[in-house]
Amino acid sequence: MSAAAAAKKVGGELTRSVQVSPALKKFLGVGECSRSESMKRVWDYIKDQKLQNPQNKKEVFCDEKLKPVLGGRDKVGFLEIAKHLSEHFPKNPKVPKAPKAPKTSPLDPSSPHT
């Protein structure tokens, strides 16, 4: 796998817009959003509303608008936000890969290349 393909595969899940839960939809004002965009918008809201604990910057106080998005808690840790946001996105089942076509030899008389 090339580096570009690997980067696209990694970024694909974070940057693809998908349907979100009703609670996140109400918070964001849109029915579809990517995981990275939702994280950015939640952090923008936290900063705008000054919800970060001034004594402990690793804590965020949840107001009434933020509580439904972050598990209904009064405060959450900095590292917990992504976990709580992930609950608002659908779980993607693993899609089975299509079977590969059998390889044929260029010397094989039944090969379409002859």
C-alpha atoms as a PDB file:
ATOM      1  CA  MET A   1       0.000   0.000   0.000  1.00  0.00           C
ATOM      2  CA  SER A   2       1.423   3.383  -0.955  1.00  0.00           C
ATOM      3  CA  ALA A   3       1.850   6.163   1.611  1.00  0.00           C
ATOM      4  CA  ALA A   4      -0.882   8.209  -0.087  1.00  0.00           C
ATOM      5  CA  ALA A   5      -3.307   5.278  -0.012  1.00  0.00           C
ATOM      6  CA  ALA A   6      -2.506   4.625   3.643  1.00  0.00           C
ATOM      7  CA  ALA A   7      -3.078   8.287   4.514  1.00  0.00           C
ATOM      8  CA  LYS A   8      -6.382   8.305   2.616  1.00  0.00           C
ATOM      9  CA  LYS A   9      -7.506   5.144   4.418  1.00  0.00           C
ATOM     10  CA  VAL A  10      -6.596   6.565   7.845  1.00  0.00           C
ATOM     11  CA  GLY A  11      -8.151   9.973   7.186  1.00  0.00           C
ATOM     12  CA  GLY A  12     -11.210   8.472   5.541  1.00  0.00           C
ATOM     13  CA  GLU A  13     -12.985   7.535   8.754  1.00  0.00           C
ATOM     14  CA  LEU A  14     -12.245  10.863  10.422  1.00  0.00           C
ATOM     15  CA  THR A  15     -13.111  13.118   7.512  1.00  0.00           C
ATOM     16  CA  ARG A  16     -16.140  11.365   5.999  1.00  0.00           C
ATOM     17  CA  SER A  17     -19.490  12.975   6.844  1.00  0.00           C
ATOM     18  CA  VAL A  18     -22.016  10.528   8.254  1.00  0.00           C
ATOM     19  CA  GLN A  19     -25.378  10.654  10.014  1.00  0.00           C
ATOM     20  CA  VAL A  20     -25.034  11.595  13.688  1.00  0.00           C
ATOM     21  CA  SER A  21     -27.201  10.889  16.718  1.00  0.00           C
ATOM     22  CA  PRO A  22     -30.184  13.128  17.509  1.00  0.00           C
ATOM     23  CA  ALA A  23     -28.309  14.660  20.484  1.00  0.00           C
ATOM     24  CA  LEU A  24     -25.278  15.593  18.389  1.00  0.00           C
ATOM     25  CA  LYS A  25     -27.545  16.766  15.573  1.00  0.00           C
ATOM     26  CA  LYS A  26     -29.271  19.150  18.000  1.00  0.00           C
ATOM     27  CA  PHE A  27     -25.915  20.433  19.301  1.00  0.00           C
ATOM     28  CA  LEU A  28     -24.321  20.910  15.864  1.00  0.00           C
ATOM     29  CA  GLY A  29     -27.435  21.985  14.002  1.00  0.00           C
ATOM     30  CA  VAL A  30     -26.715  19.532  11.171  1.00  0.00           C
ATOM     31  CA  GLY A  31     -27.669  15.900  10.601  1.00  0.00           C
ATOM     32  CA  GLU A  32     -24.364  14.837   9.058  1.00  0.00           C
ATOM     33  CA  CYS A  33     -20.842  15.626  10.156  1.00  0.00           C
ATOM     34  CA  SER A  34     -17.381  14.086  10.166  1.00  0.00           C
ATOM     35  CA  ARG A  35     -15.759  12.986  13.391  1.00  0.00           C
ATOM     36  CA  SER A  36     -12.978  15.541  13.056  1.00  0.00           C
ATOM     37  CA  GLU A  37     -15.388  18.391  12.313  1.00  0.00           C
ATOM     38  CA  SER A  38     -17.586  17.478  15.293  1.00  0.00           C
ATOM     39  CA  MET A  39     -14.544  17.485  17.586  1.00  0.00           C
ATOM     40  CA  LYS A  40     -13.478  20.873  16.254  1.00  0.00           C
ATOM     41  CA  ARG A  41     -16.940  22.347  16.737  1.00  0.00           C
ATOM     42  CA  VAL A  42     -17.272  20.983  20.277  1.00  0.00           C
ATOM     43  CA  TRP A  43     -13.881  22.479  21.181  1.00  0.00           C
ATOM     44  CA  ASP A  44     -14.836  25.796  19.607  1.00  0.00           C
ATOM     45  CA  TYR A  45     -17.983  25.797  21.755  1.00  0.00           C
ATOM     46  CA  ILE A  46     -16.006  24.938  24.897  1.00  0.00           C
ATOM     47  CA  LYS A  47     -13.602  27.810  24.231  1.00  0.00           C
ATOM     48  CA  ASP A  48     -16.346  30.304  23.310  1.00  0.00           C
ATOM     49  CA  GLN A  49     -18.329  29.479  26.446  1.00  0.00           C
ATOM     50  CA  LYS A  50     -15.166  29.348  28.633  1.00  0.00           C
ATOM     51  CA  LEU A  51     -16.047  25.877  29.925  1.00  0.00           C
ATOM     52  CA  GLN A  52     -12.471  24.734  30.508  1.00  0.00           C
ATOM     53  CA  ASN A  53     -11.614  24.508  34.214  1.00  0.00           C
ATOM     54  CA  PRO A  54      -9.186  27.387  34.898  1.00  0.00           C
ATOM     55  CA  GLN A  55      -7.515  25.439  37.744  1.00  0.00           C
ATOM     56  CA  ASN A  56      -7.203  22.221  35.753  1.00  0.00           C
ATOM     57  CA  LYS A  57      -7.064  22.745  31.981  1.00  0.00           C
ATOM     58  CA  LYS A  58      -7.542  19.001  31.479  1.00  0.00           C
ATOM     59  CA  GLU A  59     -11.160  19.284  32.690  1.00  0.00           C
ATOM     60  CA  VAL A  60     -14.172  20.677  30.883  1.00  0.00           C
ATOM     61  CA  PHE A  61     -17.350  21.750  32.638  1.00  0.00           C
ATOM     62  CA  CYS A  62     -20.486  20.702  30.774  1.00  0.00           C
ATOM     63  CA  ASP A  63     -23.343  23.172  30.490  1.00  0.00           C
ATOM     64  CA  GLU A  64     -26.903  22.099  29.660  1.00  0.00           C
ATOM     65  CA  LYS A  65     -26.241  22.219  25.914  1.00  0.00           C
ATOM     66  CA  LEU A  66     -23.046  20.132  26.134  1.00  0.00           C
ATOM     67  CA  LYS A  67     -24.225  17.505  28.647  1.00  0.00           C
ATOM     68  CA  PRO A  68     -26.248  15.388  26.176  1.00  0.00           C
ATOM     69  CA  VAL A  69     -23.233  15.212  23.864  1.00  0.00           C
ATOM     70  CA  LEU A  70     -20.729  14.280  26.586  1.00  0.00           C
ATOM     71  CA  GLY A  71     -22.564  11.514  28.397  1.00  0.00           C
ATOM     72  CA  GLY A  72     -24.751  13.676  30.664  1.00  0.00           C
ATOM     73  CA  ARG A  73     -21.861  14.417  32.997  1.00  0.00           C
ATOM     74  CA  ASP A  74     -21.188  17.702  34.812  1.00  0.00           C
ATOM     75  CA  LYS A  75     -17.528  17.616  33.830  1.00  0.00           C
ATOM     76  CA  VAL A  76     -15.320  15.460  31.649  1.00  0.00           C
ATOM     77  CA  GLY A  77     -11.617  14.986  31.209  1.00  0.00           C
ATOM     78  CA  PHE A  78      -9.887  16.363  28.148  1.00  0.00           C
ATOM     79  CA  LEU A  79      -9.139  12.862  26.858  1.00  0.00           C
ATOM     80  CA  GLU A  80     -12.725  11.633  27.360  1.00  0.00           C
ATOM     81  CA  ILE A  81     -14.285  13.992  24.812  1.00  0.00           C
ATOM     82  CA  ALA A  82     -13.395  11.893  21.755  1.00  0.00           C
ATOM     83  CA  LYS A  83     -14.753   8.757  23.448  1.00  0.00           C
ATOM     84  CA  HIS A  84     -18.070  10.437  24.222  1.00  0.00           C
ATOM     85  CA  LEU A  85     -18.337  11.874  20.715  1.00  0.00           C
ATOM     86  CA  SER A  86     -17.707   8.473  19.136  1.00  0.00           C
ATOM     87  CA  GLU A  87     -20.959   7.240  20.720  1.00  0.00           C
ATOM     88  CA  HIS A  88     -22.866   9.650  18.453  1.00  0.00           C
ATOM     89  CA  PHE A  89     -21.567   8.077  15.230  1.00  0.00           C
ATOM     90  CA  PRO A  90     -22.825   4.813  13.717  1.00  0.00           C
ATOM     91  CA  LYS A  91     -20.692   1.761  14.132  1.00  0.00           C
ATOM     92  CA  ASN A  92     -19.492   0.707  10.693  1.00  0.00           C
ATOM     93  CA  PRO A  93     -19.578  -3.054  10.241  1.00  0.00           C
ATOM     94  CA  LYS A  94     -16.598  -4.588   8.496  1.00  0.00           C
ATOM     95  CA  VAL A  95     -17.341  -4.962   4.809  1.00  0.00           C
ATOM     96  CA  PRO A  96     -15.975  -8.224   3.418  1.00  0.00           C
ATOM     97  CA  LYS A  97     -13.502  -7.782   0.605  1.00  0.00           C
ATOM     98  CA  ALA A  98     -14.497  -9.009  -2.831  1.00  0.00           C
ATOM     99  CA  PRO A  99     -12.679 -12.190  -3.825  1.00  0.00           C
ATOM    100  CA  LYS A 100      -9.718 -11.634  -6.118  1.00  0.00           C
ATOM    101  CA  ALA A 101      -9.827 -12.957  -9.649  1.00  0.00           C
ATOM    102  CA  PRO A 102      -7.607 -15.996 -10.145  1.00  0.00           C
ATOM    103  CA  LYS A 103      -4.249 -15.188 -11.658  1.00  0.00           C
ATOM    104  CA  THR A 104      -3.549 -16.563 -15.096  1.00  0.00           C
ATOM    105  CA  SER A 105      -0.190 -17.100 -16.633  1.00  0.00           C
ATOM    106  CA  PRO A 106       0.673 -15.255 -19.847  1.00  0.00           C
ATOM    107  CA  LEU A 107       1.743 -18.633 -21.210  1.00  0.00           C
ATOM    108  CA  ASP A 108      -1.558 -20.281 -20.334  1.00  0.00           C
ATOM    109  CA  PRO A 109      -3.527 -20.973 -23.556  1.00  0.00           C
ATOM    110  CA  SER A 110      -6.828 -20.213 -21.803  1.00  0.00           C
ATOM    111  CA  SER A 111      -5.536 -16.788 -20.746  1.00  0.00           C
ATOM    112  CA  PRO A 112      -7.344 -13.868 -22.433  1.00  0.00           C
ATOM    113  CA  HIS A 113      -3.951 -12.201 -23.072  1.00  0.00           C
ATOM    114  CA  THR A 114      -2.927 -14.633 -25.825  1.00  0.00           C
END
